[in-house]
């Protein structure tokens, strides 16, 4: 893992809280911040993954889509 140094601007009270948490854990503030950045980045990566739905119909989803391909998207509540 390549580490890049950067400058961080944050609320003084937020940083004080994180510094205290770092002291209790016996680690540096930098480590706590790295962990927070890594956690947030992982959440963003997870949110960006493509999601695929599964649909079941009595006639086949592909046949229905092909028969009415110019129709607007309908919500489930409207059906």
Protein backbone atom coordinates (compact mmCIF):
# COMPACT_ATOMS: atom_id res chain seq x y z
CA UNK A 1 0.00 0.00 0.00
CA UNK A 2 1.37 3.38 -1.00
CA UNK A 3 0.66 6.09 1.55
CA UNK A 4 0.09 9.67 0.44
CA UNK A 5 0.43 12.49 2.92
CA UNK A 6 -2.11 15.26 2.83
CA UNK A 7 -3.36 18.18 4.89
CA UNK A 8 -6.64 17.84 6.71
CA UNK A 9 -8.95 20.63 7.77
CA UNK A 10 -11.45 19.56 10.42
CA UNK A 11 -13.45 20.90 13.31
CA UNK A 12 -11.31 21.33 16.42
CA UNK A 13 -13.77 19.43 18.64
CA UNK A 14 -13.95 16.52 16.17
CA UNK A 15 -10.16 16.25 16.08
CA UNK A 16 -9.96 16.43 19.88
CA UNK A 17 -12.43 13.55 20.12
CA UNK A 18 -10.40 11.47 17.65
CA UNK A 19 -7.14 12.32 19.45
CA UNK A 20 -8.64 11.09 22.71
CA UNK A 21 -9.80 7.88 21.04
CA UNK A 22 -6.29 7.39 19.62
CA UNK A 23 -4.75 7.90 23.07
CA UNK A 24 -7.11 5.35 24.62
CA UNK A 25 -6.17 2.83 21.94
CA UNK A 26 -2.49 3.64 22.21
CA UNK A 27 -2.16 4.59 18.54
CA UNK A 28 -1.45 7.79 16.66
CA UNK A 29 -4.08 10.19 15.40
CA UNK A 30 -2.72 9.51 11.91
CA UNK A 31 -3.57 5.83 12.27
CA UNK A 32 -7.11 6.60 13.39
CA UNK A 33 -7.56 8.96 10.43
CA UNK A 34 -6.13 6.36 8.00
CA UNK A 35 -8.61 3.80 9.33
CA UNK A 36 -11.51 6.23 8.94
CA UNK A 37 -10.49 7.10 5.38
CA UNK A 38 -10.10 3.41 4.49
CA UNK A 39 -13.53 2.59 5.95
CA UNK A 40 -15.21 5.40 4.04
CA UNK A 41 -13.43 4.43 0.81
CA UNK A 42 -14.59 0.83 1.19
CA UNK A 43 -18.18 1.99 1.68
CA UNK A 44 -17.92 4.09 -1.48
CA UNK A 45 -16.47 1.15 -3.43
CA UNK A 46 -19.31 -1.07 -2.23
CA UNK A 47 -21.94 1.52 -3.15
CA UNK A 48 -20.49 1.85 -6.67
CA UNK A 49 -20.61 -1.86 -7.47
CA UNK A 50 -23.16 -2.70 -10.14
CA UNK A 51 -26.33 -4.28 -8.86
CA UNK A 52 -28.41 -6.67 -10.90
CA UNK A 53 -32.03 -7.42 -10.23
CA UNK A 54 -33.87 -10.66 -10.77
CA UNK A 55 -37.38 -10.65 -12.14
CA UNK A 56 -39.87 -13.43 -12.68
CA UNK A 57 -42.94 -13.25 -14.88
CA UNK A 58 -45.35 -15.78 -16.24
CA UNK A 59 -44.38 -14.85 -19.83
CA UNK A 60 -40.64 -14.19 -19.49
CA UNK A 61 -39.08 -10.80 -18.82
CA UNK A 62 -37.19 -10.70 -22.13
CA UNK A 63 -40.37 -11.33 -24.15
CA UNK A 64 -42.30 -8.66 -22.27
CA UNK A 65 -39.48 -6.11 -22.64
CA UNK A 66 -39.14 -6.81 -26.37
CA UNK A 67 -42.89 -6.53 -26.95
CA UNK A 68 -43.13 -3.10 -25.28
CA UNK A 69 -39.60 -1.66 -25.49
CA UNK A 70 -40.71 1.99 -25.93
CA UNK A 71 -43.01 1.93 -22.91
CA UNK A 72 -42.11 4.10 -19.90
CA UNK A 73 -40.69 2.47 -16.82
CA UNK A 74 -43.46 1.53 -14.45
CA UNK A 75 -43.08 1.40 -10.71
CA UNK A 76 -44.26 -1.62 -8.80
CA UNK A 77 -46.78 0.52 -6.90
CA UNK A 78 -48.54 1.38 -10.17
CA UNK A 79 -49.12 -2.22 -11.21
